[in-house]
Amino acid sequence: MANFVLNAQAREAALQGKGSSRRLRHAGKIPAIIYGGSGEPVTVTLELRQIVKALENNAFFEEVIEIQIGDQVENVKIKALQRHPAKNTPMHADFIRA
């Protein structure tokens, strides 16, 4: 079992792009993508406070993370994390299937 469990919501194709991502960030969420493995890429929305809490532990970058999208569970590792240049808050996350 993974030490880190994040809850996510899948995003529709219509809710992707710069404007939509800005609205998500303003609402305290961040856009993310899960790719790799045999499955298709999945765009998701994560809660900012969950990511910030997980980032307090350095093991977040090394261990397998469980992302729950409704009934589905994805086991992933973080591949990239974009942060705001001045505030240092997460803006986008890329996950790769483990």
PDB file of N, CA and C in Angstrom:
ATOM      1  N   MET A   1       0.837  -1.180   0.000  1.00  0.00           N
ATOM      2  CA  MET A   1       0.000   0.000   0.000  1.00  0.00           C
ATOM      3  C   MET A   1       0.879   1.239   0.000  1.00  0.00           C
ATOM      4  N   ALA A   2       0.446   2.251  -0.690  1.00  0.00           N
ATOM      5  CA  ALA A   2       1.201   3.491  -0.791  1.00  0.00           C
ATOM      6  C   ALA A   2       1.010   4.339   0.466  1.00  0.00           C
ATOM      7  N   ASN A   3       2.044   5.076   0.812  1.00  0.00           N
ATOM      8  CA  ASN A   3       1.956   5.975   1.963  1.00  0.00           C
ATOM      9  C   ASN A   3       1.176   7.236   1.629  1.00  0.00           C
ATOM     10  N   PHE A   4       1.130   7.590   0.355  1.00  0.00           N
ATOM     11  CA  PHE A   4       0.460   8.812  -0.071  1.00  0.00           C
ATOM     12  C   PHE A   4      -0.764   8.451  -0.894  1.00  0.00           C
ATOM     13  N   VAL A   5      -1.911   8.970  -0.479  1.00  0.00           N
ATOM     14  CA  VAL A   5      -3.164   8.741  -1.194  1.00  0.00           C
ATOM     15  C   VAL A   5      -3.768  10.103  -1.494  1.00  0.00           C
ATOM     16  N   LEU A   6      -4.015  10.372  -2.776  1.00  0.00           N
ATOM     17  CA  LEU A   6      -4.601  11.634  -3.198  1.00  0.00           C
ATOM     18  C   LEU A   6      -5.952  11.360  -3.846  1.00  0.00           C
ATOM     19  N   ASN A   7      -6.918  12.216  -3.578  1.00  0.00           N
ATOM     20  CA  ASN A   7      -8.223  12.121  -4.222  1.00  0.00           C
ATOM     21  C   ASN A   7      -8.225  13.064  -5.406  1.00  0.00           C
ATOM     22  N   ALA A   8      -8.757  12.597  -6.528  1.00  0.00           N
ATOM     23  CA  ALA A   8      -8.769  13.401  -7.741  1.00  0.00           C
ATOM     24  C   ALA A   8     -10.109  13.286  -8.437  1.00  0.00           C
ATOM     25  N   GLN A   9     -10.354  14.244  -9.315  1.00  0.00           N
ATOM     26  CA  GLN A   9     -11.535  14.225 -10.166  1.00  0.00           C
ATOM     27  C   GLN A   9     -11.060  14.281 -11.600  1.00  0.00           C
ATOM     28  N   ALA A  10     -11.662  13.479 -12.459  1.00  0.00           N
ATOM     29  CA  ALA A  10     -11.305  13.502 -13.879  1.00  0.00           C
ATOM     30  C   ALA A  10     -11.818  14.802 -14.497  1.00  0.00           C
ATOM     31  N   ARG A  11     -11.055  15.317 -15.477  1.00  0.00           N
ATOM     32  CA  ARG A  11     -11.460  16.537 -16.180  1.00  0.00           C
ATOM     33  C   ARG A  11     -11.872  16.189 -17.599  1.00  0.00           C
ATOM     34  N   GLU A  12     -12.902  16.851 -18.066  1.00  0.00           N
ATOM     35  CA  GLU A  12     -13.355  16.672 -19.438  1.00  0.00           C
ATOM     36  C   GLU A  12     -12.429  17.414 -20.387  1.00  0.00           C
ATOM     37  N   ALA A  13     -12.459  17.041 -21.648  1.00  0.00           N
ATOM     38  CA  ALA A  13     -11.632  17.704 -22.654  1.00  0.00           C
ATOM     39  C   ALA A  13     -12.031  19.178 -22.800  1.00  0.00           C
ATOM     40  N   ALA A  14     -13.294  19.501 -22.580  1.00  0.00           N
ATOM     41  CA  ALA A  14     -13.757  20.881 -22.703  1.00  0.00           C
ATOM     42  C   ALA A  14     -13.228  21.763 -21.564  1.00  0.00           C
ATOM     43  N   LEU A  15     -12.828  21.150 -20.467  1.00  0.00           N
ATOM     44  CA  LEU A  15     -12.345  21.906 -19.304  1.00  0.00           C
ATOM     45  C   LEU A  15     -10.829  21.905 -19.207  1.00  0.00           C
ATOM     46  N   GLN A  16     -10.162  21.892 -20.352  1.00  0.00           N
ATOM     47  CA  GLN A  16      -8.715  21.919 -20.375  1.00  0.00           C
ATOM     48  C   GLN A  16      -8.261  23.181 -21.084  1.00  0.00           C
ATOM     49  N   GLY A  17      -7.055  23.599 -20.788  1.00  0.00           N
ATOM     50  CA  GLY A  17      -6.521  24.798 -21.415  1.00  0.00           C
ATOM     51  C   GLY A  17      -6.125  25.836 -20.388  1.00  0.00           C
ATOM     52  N   LYS A  18      -5.576  26.935 -20.875  1.00  0.00           N
ATOM     53  CA  LYS A  18      -5.036  27.967 -19.996  1.00  0.00           C
ATOM     54  C   LYS A  18      -6.104  28.605 -19.099  1.00  0.00           C
ATOM     55  N   GLY A  19      -7.206  29.021 -19.679  1.00  0.00           N
ATOM     56  CA  GLY A  19      -8.251  29.693 -18.901  1.00  0.00           C
ATOM     57  C   GLY A  19      -8.866  28.781 -17.857  1.00  0.00           C
ATOM     58  N   SER A  20      -9.143  27.560 -18.238  1.00  0.00           N
ATOM     59  CA  SER A  20      -9.730  26.604 -17.313  1.00  0.00           C
ATOM     60  C   SER A  20      -8.768  26.277 -16.175  1.00  0.00           C
ATOM     61  N   SER A  21      -7.490  26.135 -16.510  1.00  0.00           N
ATOM     62  CA  SER A  21      -6.488  25.845 -15.484  1.00  0.00           C
ATOM     63  C   SER A  21      -6.358  27.003 -14.505  1.00  0.00           C
ATOM     64  N   ARG A  22      -6.443  28.218 -15.005  1.00  0.00           N
ATOM     65  CA  ARG A  22      -6.392  29.393 -14.116  1.00  0.00           C
ATOM     66  C   ARG A  22      -7.579  29.415 -13.169  1.00  0.00           C
ATOM     67  N   ARG A  23      -8.761  29.093 -13.683  1.00  0.00           N
ATOM     68  CA  ARG A  23      -9.947  29.059 -12.818  1.00  0.00           C
ATOM     69  C   ARG A  23      -9.813  27.974 -11.751  1.00  0.00           C
ATOM     70  N   LEU A  24      -9.233  26.834 -12.119  1.00  0.00           N
ATOM     71  CA  LEU A  24      -9.010  25.766 -11.132  1.00  0.00           C
ATOM     72  C   LEU A  24      -8.078  26.242 -10.030  1.00  0.00           C
ATOM     73  N   ARG A  25      -6.967  26.870 -10.414  1.00  0.00           N
ATOM     74  CA  ARG A  25      -5.996  27.334  -9.418  1.00  0.00           C
ATOM     75  C   ARG A  25      -6.606  28.382  -8.500  1.00  0.00           C
ATOM     76  N   HIS A  26      -7.438  29.240  -9.057  1.00  0.00           N
ATOM     77  CA  HIS A  26      -8.098  30.267  -8.243  1.00  0.00           C
ATOM     78  C   HIS A  26      -9.051  29.630  -7.233  1.00  0.00           C
ATOM     79  N   ALA A  27      -9.590  28.445  -7.558  1.00  0.00           N
ATOM     80  CA  ALA A  27     -10.507  27.731  -6.671  1.00  0.00           C
ATOM     81  C   ALA A  27      -9.784  26.798  -5.702  1.00  0.00           C
ATOM     82  N   GLY A  28      -8.443  26.841  -5.661  1.00  0.00           N
ATOM     83  CA  GLY A  28      -7.697  26.007  -4.720  1.00  0.00           C
ATOM     84  C   GLY A  28      -7.448  24.596  -5.214  1.00  0.00           C
ATOM     85  N   LYS A  29      -7.429  24.420  -6.522  1.00  0.00           N
ATOM     86  CA  LYS A  29      -7.159  23.104  -7.113  1.00  0.00           C
ATOM     87  C   LYS A  29      -6.027  23.258  -8.117  1.00  0.00           C
ATOM     88  N   ILE A  30      -5.424  22.133  -8.482  1.00  0.00           N
ATOM     89  CA  ILE A  30      -4.394  22.197  -9.512  1.00  0.00           C
ATOM     90  C   ILE A  30      -4.665  21.130 -10.568  1.00  0.00           C
ATOM     91  N   PRO A  31      -4.375  21.447 -11.822  1.00  0.00           N
ATOM     92  CA  PRO A  31      -4.514  20.451 -12.877  1.00  0.00           C
ATOM     93  C   PRO A  31      -3.340  19.486 -12.850  1.00  0.00           C
ATOM     94  N   ALA A  32      -3.594  18.272 -13.283  1.00  0.00           N
ATOM     95  CA  ALA A  32      -2.537  17.256 -13.336  1.00  0.00           C
ATOM     96  C   ALA A  32      -2.856  16.281 -14.457  1.00  0.00           C
ATOM     97  N   ILE A  33      -1.862  15.501 -14.827  1.00  0.00           N
ATOM     98  CA  ILE A  33      -2.048  14.480 -15.857  1.00  0.00           C
ATOM     99  C   ILE A  33      -1.376  13.187 -15.406  1.00  0.00           C
ATOM    100  N   ILE A  34      -2.003  12.074 -15.747  1.00  0.00           N
ATOM    101  CA  ILE A  34      -1.449  10.745 -15.476  1.00  0.00           C
ATOM    102  C   ILE A  34      -1.241  10.080 -16.828  1.00  0.00           C
ATOM    103  N   TYR A  35      -0.036   9.630 -17.099  1.00  0.00           N
ATOM    104  CA  TYR A  35       0.255   8.999 -18.386  1.00  0.00           C
ATOM    105  C   TYR A  35       1.211   7.847 -18.201  1.00  0.00           C
ATOM    106  N   GLY A  36       1.510   7.143 -19.307  1.00  0.00           N
ATOM    107  CA  GLY A  36       2.434   6.024 -19.280  1.00  0.00           C
ATOM    108  C   GLY A  36       1.707   4.706 -19.110  1.00  0.00           C
ATOM    109  N   GLY A  37       2.469   3.637 -19.161  1.00  0.00           N
ATOM    110  CA  GLY A  37       1.884   2.313 -19.025  1.00  0.00           C
ATOM    111  C   GLY A  37       1.031   1.966 -20.230  1.00  0.00           C
ATOM    112  N   SER A  38       0.071   1.099 -20.031  1.00  0.00           N
ATOM    113  CA  SER A  38      -0.767   0.650 -21.140  1.00  0.00           C
ATOM    114  C   SER A  38      -2.025   1.490 -21.311  1.00  0.00           C
ATOM    115  N   GLY A  39      -2.324   2.349 -20.347  1.00  0.00           N
ATOM    116  CA  GLY A  39      -3.545   3.143 -20.408  1.00  0.00           C
ATOM    117  C   GLY A  39      -3.361   4.458 -21.148  1.00  0.00           C
ATOM    118  N   GLU A  40      -4.482   5.059 -21.484  1.00  0.00           N
ATOM    119  CA  GLU A  40      -4.482   6.369 -22.122  1.00  0.00           C
ATOM    120  C   GLU A  40      -4.183   7.441 -21.076  1.00  0.00           C
ATOM    121  N   PRO A  41      -3.637   8.586 -21.492  1.00  0.00           N
ATOM    122  CA  PRO A  41      -3.431   9.690 -20.554  1.00  0.00           C
ATOM    123  C   PRO A  41      -4.764  10.171 -19.975  1.00  0.00           C
ATOM    124  N   VAL A  42      -4.746  10.503 -18.691  1.00  0.00           N
ATOM    125  CA  VAL A  42      -5.942  10.962 -17.990  1.00  0.00           C
ATOM    126  C   VAL A  42      -5.637  12.313 -17.358  1.00  0.00           C
ATOM    127  N   THR A  43      -6.471  13.304 -17.647  1.00  0.00           N
ATOM    128  CA  THR A  43      -6.307  14.604 -17.002  1.00  0.00           C
ATOM    129  C   THR A  43      -7.195  14.641 -15.763  1.00  0.00           C
ATOM    130  N   VAL A  44      -6.621  15.108 -14.662  1.00  0.00           N
ATOM    131  CA  VAL A  44      -7.332  15.121 -13.391  1.00  0.00           C
ATOM    132  C   VAL A  44      -7.152  16.467 -12.705  1.00  0.00           C
ATOM    133  N   THR A  45      -7.955  16.673 -11.679  1.00  0.00           N
ATOM    134  CA  THR A  45      -7.864  17.848 -10.830  1.00  0.00           C
ATOM    135  C   THR A  45      -7.595  17.389  -9.407  1.00  0.00           C
ATOM    136  N   LEU A  46      -6.590  17.984  -8.765  1.00  0.00           N
ATOM    137  CA  LEU A  46      -6.225  17.640  -7.391  1.00  0.00           C
ATOM    138  C   LEU A  46      -6.450  18.829  -6.476  1.00  0.00           C
ATOM    139  N   GLU A  47      -6.680  18.556  -5.210  1.00  0.00           N
ATOM    140  CA  GLU A  47      -6.813  19.614  -4.214  1.00  0.00           C
ATOM    141  C   GLU A  47      -5.430  20.166  -3.877  1.00  0.00           C
ATOM    142  N   LEU A  48      -5.283  21.467  -3.907  1.00  0.00           N
ATOM    143  CA  LEU A  48      -3.997  22.106  -3.629  1.00  0.00           C
ATOM    144  C   LEU A  48      -3.506  21.780  -2.222  1.00  0.00           C
ATOM    145  N   ARG A  49      -4.393  21.793  -1.250  1.00  0.00           N
ATOM    146  CA  ARG A  49      -3.970  21.544   0.138  1.00  0.00           C
ATOM    147  C   ARG A  49      -3.434  20.129   0.321  1.00  0.00           C
ATOM    148  N   GLN A  50      -3.973  19.143  -0.414  1.00  0.00           N
ATOM    149  CA  GLN A  50      -3.460  17.775  -0.323  1.00  0.00           C
ATOM    150  C   GLN A  50      -2.042  17.696  -0.880  1.00  0.00           C
ATOM    151  N   ILE A  51      -1.813  18.360  -2.007  1.00  0.00           N
ATOM    152  CA  ILE A  51      -0.478  18.343  -2.616  1.00  0.00           C
ATOM    153  C   ILE A  51       0.527  19.044  -1.717  1.00  0.00           C
ATOM    154  N   VAL A  52       0.161  20.198  -1.180  1.00  0.00           N
ATOM    155  CA  VAL A  52       1.077  20.946  -0.313  1.00  0.00           C
ATOM    156  C   VAL A  52       1.432  20.121   0.920  1.00  0.00           C
ATOM    157  N   LYS A  53       0.459  19.436   1.495  1.00  0.00           N
ATOM    158  CA  LYS A  53       0.701  18.588   2.666  1.00  0.00           C
ATOM    159  C   LYS A  53       1.645  17.438   2.305  1.00  0.00           C
ATOM    160  N   ALA A  54       1.427  16.807   1.138  1.00  0.00           N
ATOM    161  CA  ALA A  54       2.279  15.694   0.718  1.00  0.00           C
ATOM    162  C   ALA A  54       3.694  16.159   0.411  1.00  0.00           C
ATOM    163  N   LEU A  55       3.846  17.378  -0.095  1.00  0.00           N
ATOM    164  CA  LEU A  55       5.169  17.892  -0.449  1.00  0.00           C
ATOM    165  C   LEU A  55       6.044  18.175   0.768  1.00  0.00           C
ATOM    166  N   GLU A  56       5.455  18.207   1.947  1.00  0.00           N
ATOM    167  CA  GLU A  56       6.236  18.411   3.165  1.00  0.00           C
ATOM    168  C   GLU A  56       7.153  17.228   3.452  1.00  0.00           C
ATOM    169  N   ASN A  57       6.842  16.077   2.863  1.00  0.00           N
ATOM    170  CA  ASN A  57       7.621  14.865   3.063  1.00  0.00           C
ATOM    171  C   ASN A  57       8.441  14.594   1.797  1.00  0.00           C
ATOM    172  N   ASN A  58       9.746  14.484   1.924  1.00  0.00           N
ATOM    173  CA  ASN A  58      10.612  14.245   0.768  1.00  0.00           C
ATOM    174  C   ASN A  58      10.348  12.899   0.099  1.00  0.00           C
ATOM    175  N   ALA A  59       9.777  11.956   0.819  1.00  0.00           N
ATOM    176  CA  ALA A  59       9.491  10.633   0.254  1.00  0.00           C
ATOM    177  C   ALA A  59       8.413  10.708  -0.830  1.00  0.00           C
ATOM    178  N   PHE A  60       7.675  11.797  -0.907  1.00  0.00           N
ATOM    179  CA  PHE A  60       6.644  11.967  -1.929  1.00  0.00           C
ATOM    180  C   PHE A  60       7.233  11.841  -3.331  1.00  0.00           C
ATOM    181  N   PHE A  61       8.480  12.264  -3.501  1.00  0.00           N
ATOM    182  CA  PHE A  61       9.128  12.220  -4.806  1.00  0.00           C
ATOM    183  C   PHE A  61       9.735  10.856  -5.122  1.00  0.00           C
ATOM    184  N   GLU A  62       9.780   9.949  -4.150  1.00  0.00           N
ATOM    185  CA  GLU A  62      10.448   8.668  -4.336  1.00  0.00           C
ATOM    186  C   GLU A  62       9.496   7.478  -4.316  1.00  0.00           C
ATOM    187  N   GLU A  63       8.400   7.579  -3.600  1.00  0.00           N
ATOM    188  CA  GLU A  63       7.523   6.433  -3.397  1.00  0.00           C
ATOM    189  C   GLU A  63       6.342   6.429  -4.365  1.00  0.00           C
ATOM    190  N   VAL A  64       5.677   5.296  -4.418  1.00  0.00           N
ATOM    191  CA  VAL A  64       4.478   5.159  -5.245  1.00  0.00           C
ATOM    192  C   VAL A  64       3.323   5.873  -4.554  1.00  0.00           C
ATOM    193  N   ILE A  65       2.552   6.605  -5.343  1.00  0.00           N
ATOM    194  CA  ILE A  65       1.432   7.394  -4.845  1.00  0.00           C
ATOM    195  C   ILE A  65       0.150   6.782  -5.387  1.00  0.00           C
ATOM    196  N   GLU A  66      -0.869   6.693  -4.557  1.00  0.00           N
ATOM    197  CA  GLU A  66      -2.180   6.218  -4.994  1.00  0.00           C
ATOM    198  C   GLU A  66      -3.040   7.425  -5.300  1.00  0.00           C
ATOM    199  N   ILE A  67      -3.588   7.471  -6.510  1.00  0.00           N
ATOM    200  CA  ILE A  67      -4.528   8.529  -6.863  1.00  0.00           C
ATOM    201  C   ILE A  67      -5.878   7.871  -7.108  1.00  0.00           C
ATOM    202  N   GLN A  68      -6.870   8.285  -6.340  1.00  0.00           N
ATOM    203  CA  GLN A  68      -8.211   7.730  -6.463  1.00  0.00           C
ATOM    204  C   GLN A  68      -9.045   8.661  -7.332  1.00  0.00           C
ATOM    205  N   ILE A  69      -9.501   8.120  -8.460  1.00  0.00           N
ATOM    206  CA  ILE A  69     -10.355   8.873  -9.388  1.00  0.00           C
ATOM    207  C   ILE A  69     -11.693   8.164  -9.411  1.00  0.00           C
ATOM    208  N   GLY A  70     -12.607   8.625  -8.588  1.00  0.00           N
ATOM    209  CA  GLY A  70     -13.894   7.945  -8.461  1.00  0.00           C
ATOM    210  C   GLY A  70     -13.688   6.562  -7.878  1.00  0.00           C
ATOM    211  N   ASP A  71     -14.078   5.520  -8.635  1.00  0.00           N
ATOM    212  CA  ASP A  71     -13.913   4.131  -8.193  1.00  0.00           C
ATOM    213  C   ASP A  71     -12.567   3.556  -8.599  1.00  0.00           C
ATOM    214  N   GLN A  72     -11.879   4.223  -9.499  1.00  0.00           N
ATOM    215  CA  GLN A  72     -10.618   3.726 -10.042  1.00  0.00           C
ATOM    216  C   GLN A  72      -9.437   4.215  -9.203  1.00  0.00           C
ATOM    217  N   VAL A  73      -8.420   3.367  -9.046  1.00  0.00           N
ATOM    218  CA  VAL A  73      -7.205   3.720  -8.311  1.00  0.00           C
ATOM    219  C   VAL A  73      -6.016   3.569  -9.257  1.00  0.00           C
ATOM    220  N   GLU A  74      -5.203   4.613  -9.341  1.00  0.00           N
ATOM    221  CA  GLU A  74      -3.994   4.595 -10.170  1.00  0.00           C
ATOM    222  C   GLU A  74      -2.777   4.631  -9.244  1.00  0.00           C
ATOM    223  N   ASN A  75      -1.825   3.733  -9.458  1.00  0.00           N
ATOM    224  CA  ASN A  75      -0.560   3.757  -8.734  1.00  0.00           C
ATOM    225  C   ASN A  75       0.451   4.475  -9.618  1.00  0.00           C
ATOM    226  N   VAL A  76       0.964   5.592  -9.127  1.00  0.00           N
ATOM    227  CA  VAL A  76       1.810   6.448  -9.956  1.00  0.00           C
ATOM    228  C   VAL A  76       3.024   6.938  -9.167  1.00  0.00           C
ATOM    229  N   LYS A  77       3.963   7.519  -9.897  1.00  0.00           N
ATOM    230  CA  LYS A  77       5.089   8.240  -9.304  1.00  0.00           C
ATOM    231  C   LYS A  77       5.082   9.628  -9.920  1.00  0.00           C
ATOM    232  N   ILE A  78       5.510  10.611  -9.156  1.00  0.00           N
ATOM    233  CA  ILE A  78       5.522  11.968  -9.679  1.00  0.00           C
ATOM    234  C   ILE A  78       6.693  12.114 -10.650  1.00  0.00           C
ATOM    235  N   LYS A  79       6.409  12.670 -11.802  1.00  0.00           N
ATOM    236  CA  LYS A  79       7.422  12.856 -12.836  1.00  0.00           C
ATOM    237  C   LYS A  79       7.898  14.305 -12.883  1.00  0.00           C
ATOM    238  N   ALA A  80       6.963  15.251 -12.785  1.00  0.00           N
ATOM    239  CA  ALA A  80       7.318  16.670 -12.835  1.00  0.00           C
ATOM    240  C   ALA A  80       6.315  17.469 -12.012  1.00  0.00           C
ATOM    241  N   LEU A  81       6.791  18.560 -11.447  1.00  0.00           N
ATOM    242  CA  LEU A  81       5.944  19.452 -10.661  1.00  0.00           C
ATOM    243  C   LEU A  81       6.318  20.885 -11.008  1.00  0.00           C
ATOM    244  N   GLN A  82       5.377  21.616 -11.564  1.00  0.00           N
ATOM    245  CA  GLN A  82       5.624  23.015 -11.885  1.00  0.00           C
ATOM    246  C   GLN A  82       5.128  23.867 -10.717  1.00  0.00           C
ATOM    247  N   ARG A  83       5.942  24.840 -10.346  1.00  0.00           N
ATOM    248  CA  ARG A  83       5.607  25.727  -9.227  1.00  0.00           C
ATOM    249  C   ARG A  83       5.538  27.168  -9.706  1.00  0.00           C
ATOM    250  N   HIS A  84       4.789  27.972  -8.964  1.00  0.00           N
ATOM    251  CA  HIS A  84       4.703  29.403  -9.254  1.00  0.00           C
ATOM    252  C   HIS A  84       6.066  30.022  -8.978  1.00  0.00           C
ATOM    253  N   PRO A  85       6.581  30.884  -9.868  1.00  0.00           N
ATOM    254  CA  PRO A  85       7.935  31.405  -9.695  1.00  0.00           C
ATOM    255  C   PRO A  85       8.127  32.257  -8.438  1.00  0.00           C
ATOM    256  N   ALA A  86       7.118  32.983  -8.006  1.00  0.00           N
ATOM    257  CA  ALA A  86       7.276  33.848  -6.839  1.00  0.00           C
ATOM    258  C   ALA A  86       6.719  33.228  -5.564  1.00  0.00           C
ATOM    259  N   LYS A  87       5.560  32.596  -5.657  1.00  0.00           N
ATOM    260  CA  LYS A  87       4.887  32.042  -4.481  1.00  0.00           C
ATOM    261  C   LYS A  87       5.378  30.647  -4.114  1.00  0.00           C
ATOM    262  N   ASN A  88       5.967  29.935  -5.069  1.00  0.00           N
ATOM    263  CA  ASN A  88       6.463  28.574  -4.879  1.00  0.00           C
ATOM    264  C   ASN A  88       5.346  27.560  -4.617  1.00  0.00           C
ATOM    265  N   THR A  89       4.108  27.908  -4.948  1.00  0.00           N
ATOM    266  CA  THR A  89       3.008  26.957  -4.799  1.00  0.00           C
ATOM    267  C   THR A  89       2.916  26.094  -6.053  1.00  0.00           C
ATOM    268  N   PRO A  90       2.488  24.841  -5.929  1.00  0.00           N
ATOM    269  CA  PRO A  90       2.364  23.972  -7.102  1.00  0.00           C
ATOM    270  C   PRO A  90       1.320  24.518  -8.078  1.00  0.00           C
ATOM    271  N   MET A  91       1.634  24.428  -9.381  1.00  0.00           N
ATOM    272  CA  MET A  91       0.712  24.893 -10.421  1.00  0.00           C
ATOM    273  C   MET A  91       0.230  23.750 -11.312  1.00  0.00           C
ATOM    274  N   HIS A  92       1.047  22.710 -11.476  1.00  0.00           N
ATOM    275  CA  HIS A  92       0.680  21.578 -12.332  1.00  0.00           C
ATOM    276  C   HIS A  92       1.554  20.392 -11.954  1.00  0.00           C
ATOM    277  N   ALA A  93       0.994  19.198 -12.048  1.00  0.00           N
ATOM    278  CA  ALA A  93       1.759  17.997 -11.720  1.00  0.00           C
ATOM    279  C   ALA A  93       1.618  16.969 -12.829  1.00  0.00           C
ATOM    280  N   ASP A  94       2.715  16.280 -13.138  1.00  0.00           N
ATOM    281  CA  ASP A  94       2.731  15.171 -14.080  1.00  0.00           C
ATOM    282  C   ASP A  94       3.045  13.900 -13.313  1.00  0.00           C
ATOM    283  N   PHE A  95       2.211  12.875 -13.504  1.00  0.00           N
ATOM    284  CA  PHE A  95       2.416  11.591 -12.859  1.00  0.00           C
ATOM    285  C   PHE A  95       2.585  10.525 -13.928  1.00  0.00           C
ATOM    286  N   ILE A  96       3.448   9.553 -13.673  1.00  0.00           N
ATOM    287  CA  ILE A  96       3.636   8.432 -14.580  1.00  0.00           C
ATOM    288  C   ILE A  96       3.223   7.155 -13.855  1.00  0.00           C
ATOM    289  N   ARG A  97       2.518   6.301 -14.565  1.00  0.00           N
ATOM    290  CA  ARG A  97       2.033   5.062 -13.940  1.00  0.00           C
ATOM    291  C   ARG A  97       3.198   4.171 -13.533  1.00  0.00           C
ATOM    292  N   ALA A  98       3.097   3.604 -12.347  1.00  0.00           N
ATOM    293  CA  ALA A  98       4.170   2.750 -11.820  1.00  0.00           C
ATOM    294  C   ALA A  98       3.967   1.310 -12.234  1.00  0.00           C
TER     295      ALA A  98
END
